[in-house]
Amino acid sequence: MQEAPNNAPLADLDEWEDDLLRRYPEEGDKKFRDYDADARPSVREFYQLNHRYQTMEFVREKHAEYLPLQKRQMTVWEALEYLNTLVDESDPDIDLPQIEHLLQTAEAIRKDGHPRWFILTGLIHDLGKILCLFGEPQWAVVGDTFPVGCRFSEKIVFHEFFADNPDSESADYSTPSGIYQEGCGLDKVTMSWGHDEYLYHVVKDHLPDPALYMIRYHSFYPSHKEGEYGHLMNDRDRELFAWVRKFNPYDLYTKSSERVDVTALRPFYEELITEFLPGKLSW
């Protein structure tokens, strides 16, 4: 396997999320635009790396490396504090710690009266970004996710960069279903590697299925925003993707420069964590 560069074209991981807002503005702000042409050069470079190196072989290697969950033992709150160390204090565009962004998401869900597990999902959904702190490059942590092992959809952002992906030349992977059976269900499908898939495996034995779908597929924009890969889904996927779409606006549109009082909110969220994810988890 060709060794991938461990560079960081994005100034910070929020730059990918800012680009999502450009691509998927709130309904009242929708404009017809050429999304690829509008992207920052750093975002283009990020996706060039992502689409070149996210191969089936790479994903399998990351599963073998990370899914034994032997990197650290941490409580969820310790993981939140650990994620905070990802912020580059020299970057003038960063004005809120990661924990505050996650609390903003969770508080918006809480305000709308959703179940407690839904609130917790908002709090933890990005914790898999600690992969960066384990040395993973940005393109293997964030970005729109997609299946590997089958043809890359043309609806994936910067689809043209898949021309450099060796899997594009594989006869096994070049058909719409590739190595999968039509209607097999997403649990049989291998997704590109990143923070979604990693966190799903950390918490999969503790949370209800709607929460797990929100965590595992919230970056699967080619499906829940563009309507692709329906031929691989089964009825259970279609039912649970309603929860992914319910979660998506909280993920995209709740970030604000308004500060949250972490100290005041911590007792509520520690109680919530204890209810669903008590003690130290394996990461």
Protein backbone atom coordinates (compact mmCIF):
# COMPACT_ATOMS: atom_id res chain seq x y z
CA MET A 1 0.00 0.00 0.00
CA GLN A 2 1.28 3.46 -0.90
CA GLU A 3 2.05 5.48 2.23
CA ALA A 4 -0.23 8.49 2.63
CA PRO A 5 1.13 11.88 3.69
CA ASN A 6 0.29 12.96 7.22
CA ASN A 7 -0.33 16.58 6.35
CA ALA A 8 -3.08 18.95 7.41
CA PRO A 9 -4.46 21.11 4.60
CA LEU A 10 -7.27 22.44 6.80
CA ALA A 11 -6.38 25.13 9.33
CA ASP A 12 -8.64 23.23 11.75
CA LEU A 13 -11.34 20.57 11.57
CA ASP A 14 -14.05 23.23 11.77
CA GLU A 15 -13.09 24.25 8.24
CA TRP A 16 -14.69 21.05 6.92
CA GLU A 17 -17.84 21.83 8.91
CA ASP A 18 -17.88 25.40 7.60
CA ASP A 19 -17.76 23.95 4.09
CA LEU A 20 -20.77 21.77 4.90
CA LEU A 21 -22.72 24.93 5.73
CA ARG A 22 -21.69 26.37 2.38
CA ARG A 23 -22.90 23.24 0.61
CA TYR A 24 -26.01 22.71 2.72
CA PRO A 25 -27.27 26.10 3.92
CA GLU A 26 -30.44 26.26 5.96
CA GLU A 27 -33.54 25.92 3.80
CA GLY A 28 -34.31 29.65 3.86
CA ASP A 29 -30.78 30.47 2.69
CA LYS A 30 -30.55 28.06 -0.23
CA LYS A 31 -28.96 29.45 -3.37
CA PHE A 32 -28.07 27.82 -6.66
CA ARG A 33 -24.29 27.70 -6.77
CA ASP A 34 -21.34 25.74 -8.08
CA TYR A 35 -20.30 24.10 -4.80
CA ASP A 36 -16.99 22.77 -6.10
CA ALA A 37 -15.97 26.14 -7.54
CA ASP A 38 -16.81 27.92 -4.28
CA ALA A 39 -14.72 25.64 -2.07
CA ARG A 40 -11.57 26.93 -0.42
CA PRO A 41 -8.31 25.56 -1.87
CA SER A 42 -7.58 23.90 1.46
CA VAL A 43 -10.90 22.02 1.30
CA ARG A 44 -10.14 20.87 -2.24
CA GLU A 45 -6.73 19.63 -1.13
CA PHE A 46 -8.30 17.87 1.85
CA TYR A 47 -10.72 15.96 -0.38
CA GLN A 48 -7.99 15.17 -2.89
CA LEU A 49 -6.17 13.31 -0.11
CA ASN A 50 -9.34 11.77 1.32
CA HIS A 51 -10.56 10.41 -2.00
CA ARG A 52 -7.14 9.13 -3.04
CA TYR A 53 -6.33 7.20 0.13
CA GLN A 54 -9.70 5.97 1.47
CA THR A 55 -9.43 2.49 -0.04
CA MET A 56 -10.82 -0.81 1.18
CA GLU A 57 -7.30 -1.85 2.17
CA PHE A 58 -6.77 1.33 4.17
CA VAL A 59 -10.09 0.97 5.98
CA ARG A 60 -9.38 -2.64 6.88
CA GLU A 61 -5.99 -1.61 8.28
CA LYS A 62 -7.64 1.05 10.45
CA HIS A 63 -10.22 -1.43 11.71
CA ALA A 64 -7.41 -3.76 12.75
CA GLU A 65 -5.52 -0.91 14.42
CA TYR A 66 -8.35 0.82 16.27
CA LEU A 67 -11.32 -1.46 16.75
CA PRO A 68 -9.68 -3.59 19.42
CA LEU A 69 -10.22 -0.32 21.38
CA GLN A 70 -6.93 -0.49 23.21
CA LYS A 71 -5.67 3.09 22.84
CA ARG A 72 -6.93 4.54 26.13
CA GLN A 73 -9.38 4.06 28.99
CA MET A 74 -11.42 7.24 29.55
CA THR A 75 -14.78 8.37 30.84
CA VAL A 76 -16.87 10.33 28.36
CA TRP A 77 -16.14 13.56 30.22
CA GLU A 78 -12.43 12.80 30.16
CA ALA A 79 -12.74 12.22 26.41
CA LEU A 80 -14.46 15.60 26.04
CA GLU A 81 -11.60 17.29 27.89
CA TYR A 82 -9.08 15.34 25.82
CA LEU A 83 -10.77 16.50 22.62
CA ASN A 84 -10.37 20.08 23.80
CA THR A 85 -6.60 19.70 23.46
CA LEU A 86 -7.13 19.38 19.69
CA VAL A 87 -7.74 23.13 19.46
CA ASP A 88 -4.78 25.02 18.06
CA GLU A 89 -4.45 28.03 20.33
CA SER A 90 -2.30 29.81 17.72
CA ASP A 91 -5.21 29.84 15.25
CA PRO A 92 -7.04 33.17 15.47
CA ASP A 93 -10.17 31.71 13.85
CA ILE A 94 -10.79 29.33 16.77
CA ASP A 95 -12.79 31.09 19.47
CA LEU A 96 -14.64 28.27 21.23
CA PRO A 97 -13.32 25.03 22.73
CA GLN A 98 -14.61 21.82 21.17
CA ILE A 99 -16.62 20.98 24.30
CA GLU A 100 -18.65 24.16 23.91
CA HIS A 101 -19.57 23.30 20.32
CA LEU A 102 -20.77 19.89 21.49
CA LEU A 103 -22.72 21.41 24.37
CA GLN A 104 -24.38 23.84 21.97
CA THR A 105 -25.61 20.89 19.92
CA ALA A 106 -26.80 18.99 22.98
CA GLU A 107 -28.52 22.03 24.51
CA ALA A 108 -30.44 22.73 21.29
CA ILE A 109 -31.67 19.12 21.30
CA ARG A 110 -32.56 19.39 24.99
CA LYS A 111 -34.44 22.66 24.42
CA ASP A 112 -36.62 20.95 21.80
CA GLY A 113 -37.70 18.28 24.28
CA HIS A 114 -36.08 15.23 22.73
CA PRO A 115 -35.33 12.04 24.73
CA ARG A 116 -32.33 11.93 27.03
CA TRP A 117 -30.42 9.50 24.80
CA PHE A 118 -30.88 11.97 21.92
CA ILE A 119 -29.42 14.79 24.04
CA LEU A 120 -26.44 12.60 24.95
CA THR A 121 -25.90 11.76 21.28
CA GLY A 122 -25.63 15.46 20.52
CA LEU A 123 -23.00 15.81 23.22
CA ILE A 124 -20.77 12.94 22.09
CA HIS A 125 -21.32 12.68 18.32
CA ASP A 126 -17.94 14.20 17.41
CA LEU A 127 -15.81 12.56 20.11
CA GLY A 128 -14.30 10.27 17.50
CA LYS A 129 -12.24 13.25 16.37
CA ILE A 130 -9.78 12.27 19.08
CA LEU A 131 -8.34 10.12 16.26
CA CYS A 132 -6.35 13.26 15.38
CA LEU A 133 -4.79 13.10 18.84
CA PHE A 134 -3.78 9.50 18.14
CA GLY A 135 -1.84 10.74 15.09
CA GLU A 136 -4.37 10.22 12.31
CA PRO A 137 -4.31 12.77 9.44
CA GLN A 138 -7.33 15.01 8.96
CA TRP A 139 -8.53 13.17 5.85
CA ALA A 140 -8.85 9.96 7.93
CA VAL A 141 -10.86 11.67 10.68
CA VAL A 142 -13.38 14.06 9.11
CA GLY A 143 -14.99 14.61 5.72
CA ASP A 144 -18.13 13.26 4.08
CA THR A 145 -18.23 9.48 4.46
CA PHE A 146 -19.12 6.91 1.80
CA PRO A 147 -19.02 3.15 1.21
CA VAL A 148 -15.85 1.50 -0.02
CA GLY A 149 -15.95 -1.76 -1.94
CA CYS A 150 -18.35 -0.47 -4.60
CA ARG A 151 -18.49 2.29 -7.20
CA PHE A 152 -18.00 5.78 -5.76
CA SER A 153 -21.15 7.81 -6.33
CA GLU A 154 -20.88 10.86 -8.56
CA LYS A 155 -22.85 12.75 -5.90
CA ILE A 156 -19.87 12.57 -3.48
CA VAL A 157 -18.28 15.99 -3.20
CA PHE A 158 -15.22 16.33 -5.50
CA HIS A 159 -15.99 12.98 -7.09
CA GLU A 160 -13.31 13.59 -9.71
CA PHE A 161 -10.56 13.01 -7.15
CA PHE A 162 -11.49 9.32 -6.96
CA ALA A 163 -9.63 8.92 -10.25
CA ASP A 164 -6.49 8.64 -8.11
CA ASN A 165 -8.00 5.98 -5.84
CA PRO A 166 -6.73 2.47 -6.74
CA ASP A 167 -10.15 0.98 -5.94
CA SER A 168 -11.57 2.87 -8.92
CA GLU A 169 -9.60 0.49 -11.15
CA SER A 170 -10.76 -2.67 -9.38
CA ALA A 171 -13.21 -4.86 -11.27
CA ASP A 172 -14.61 -6.06 -7.93
CA TYR A 173 -15.33 -2.53 -6.72
CA SER A 174 -16.38 -0.79 -9.94
CA THR A 175 -20.07 -1.77 -10.10
CA PRO A 176 -22.82 0.07 -8.18
CA SER A 177 -23.09 -2.75 -5.62
CA GLY A 178 -19.48 -3.93 -5.82
CA ILE A 179 -18.81 -6.70 -3.31
CA TYR A 180 -22.23 -6.28 -1.69
CA GLN A 181 -25.66 -7.69 -2.44
CA GLU A 182 -28.35 -5.19 -3.35
CA GLY A 183 -30.49 -4.53 -0.28
CA CYS A 184 -27.94 -6.17 2.04
CA GLY A 185 -28.22 -3.43 4.67
CA LEU A 186 -25.62 -0.89 5.76
CA ASP A 187 -24.40 -3.09 8.60
CA LYS A 188 -22.92 -5.30 5.86
CA VAL A 189 -21.28 -2.32 4.11
CA THR A 190 -17.77 -1.06 4.91
CA MET A 191 -17.71 2.73 5.22
CA SER A 192 -14.76 5.05 4.72
CA TRP A 193 -12.73 5.46 7.91
CA GLY A 194 -13.29 8.41 10.21
CA HIS A 195 -14.61 9.72 13.50
CA ASP A 196 -18.15 8.43 12.89
CA GLU A 197 -17.23 4.77 12.47
CA TYR A 198 -14.71 4.86 15.29
CA LEU A 199 -17.09 6.34 17.88
CA TYR A 200 -19.84 3.95 16.82
CA HIS A 201 -17.66 1.03 17.87
CA VAL A 202 -16.78 2.68 21.18
CA VAL A 203 -20.45 3.08 22.21
CA LYS A 204 -22.34 0.44 20.19
CA ASP A 205 -23.14 -1.75 23.19
CA HIS A 206 -24.63 1.08 25.24
CA LEU A 207 -27.01 3.23 23.20
CA PRO A 208 -30.30 2.61 21.33
CA ASP A 209 -30.24 2.00 17.59
CA PRO A 210 -31.42 5.50 16.57
CA ALA A 211 -28.51 7.02 18.50
CA LEU A 212 -26.05 4.60 16.91
CA TYR A 213 -27.28 5.48 13.43
CA MET A 214 -26.93 9.19 14.19
CA ILE A 215 -23.34 8.62 15.31
CA ARG A 216 -22.32 6.22 12.57
CA TYR A 217 -23.90 7.98 9.60
CA HIS A 218 -24.11 11.69 10.43
CA SER A 219 -21.32 12.44 7.93
CA PHE A 220 -22.80 10.16 5.24
CA TYR A 221 -24.00 13.18 3.26
CA PRO A 222 -24.07 11.34 -0.08
CA SER A 223 -26.95 9.32 1.37
CA HIS A 224 -28.93 11.43 3.81
CA LYS A 225 -28.57 14.65 1.80
CA GLU A 226 -28.05 13.46 -1.78
CA GLY A 227 -30.19 10.31 -1.75
CA GLU A 228 -27.45 7.94 -2.95
CA TYR A 229 -26.74 4.30 -2.00
CA GLY A 230 -30.38 3.46 -1.40
CA HIS A 231 -29.82 0.22 -3.34
CA LEU A 232 -27.62 -1.06 -0.50
CA MET A 233 -30.11 -0.24 2.25
CA ASN A 234 -32.74 -2.47 3.77
CA ASP A 235 -36.02 -1.52 5.48
CA ARG A 236 -34.32 -1.14 8.85
CA ASP A 237 -31.84 1.36 7.40
CA ARG A 238 -34.61 3.39 5.79
CA GLU A 239 -36.53 3.50 9.06
CA LEU A 240 -33.54 4.52 11.16
CA PHE A 241 -32.28 7.10 8.66
CA ALA A 242 -35.29 9.19 9.66
CA TRP A 243 -33.41 9.72 12.94
CA VAL A 244 -30.21 10.62 11.10
CA ARG A 245 -32.11 13.31 9.19
CA LYS A 246 -33.73 14.52 12.41
CA PHE A 247 -30.28 14.88 13.97
CA ASN A 248 -28.62 16.55 10.97
CA PRO A 249 -29.96 20.12 11.51
CA TYR A 250 -28.66 20.10 15.09
CA ASP A 251 -25.26 19.02 13.81
CA LEU A 252 -25.11 21.68 11.08
CA TYR A 253 -26.93 24.72 12.38
CA THR A 254 -26.41 25.03 16.15
CA LYS A 255 -22.82 26.29 16.20
CA SER A 256 -22.73 29.80 17.64
CA SER A 257 -20.20 32.29 18.97
CA GLU A 258 -22.36 32.61 22.08
CA ARG A 259 -20.61 30.98 25.03
CA VAL A 260 -22.15 28.21 27.12
CA ASP A 261 -21.46 27.84 30.83
CA VAL A 262 -19.66 24.51 30.96
CA THR A 263 -19.41 24.54 34.77
CA ALA A 264 -23.14 25.11 35.20
CA LEU A 265 -24.09 22.44 32.66
CA ARG A 266 -21.61 19.80 33.76
CA PRO A 267 -23.73 18.23 36.58
CA PHE A 268 -26.66 17.59 34.21
CA TYR A 269 -24.43 16.05 31.55
CA GLU A 270 -22.38 13.97 33.95
CA GLU A 271 -25.64 12.49 35.26
CA LEU A 272 -26.73 11.83 31.67
CA ILE A 273 -23.40 10.19 30.86
CA THR A 274 -23.63 7.99 33.96
CA GLU A 275 -27.11 6.86 32.91
CA PHE A 276 -26.01 5.55 29.51
CA LEU A 277 -22.19 5.38 29.41
CA PRO A 278 -20.99 4.91 32.98
CA GLY A 279 -17.38 4.57 34.06
CA LYS A 280 -14.37 4.36 31.81
CA LEU A 281 -14.86 3.28 28.22
CA SER A 282 -12.32 1.59 25.97
CA TRP A 283 -11.07 3.85 23.19
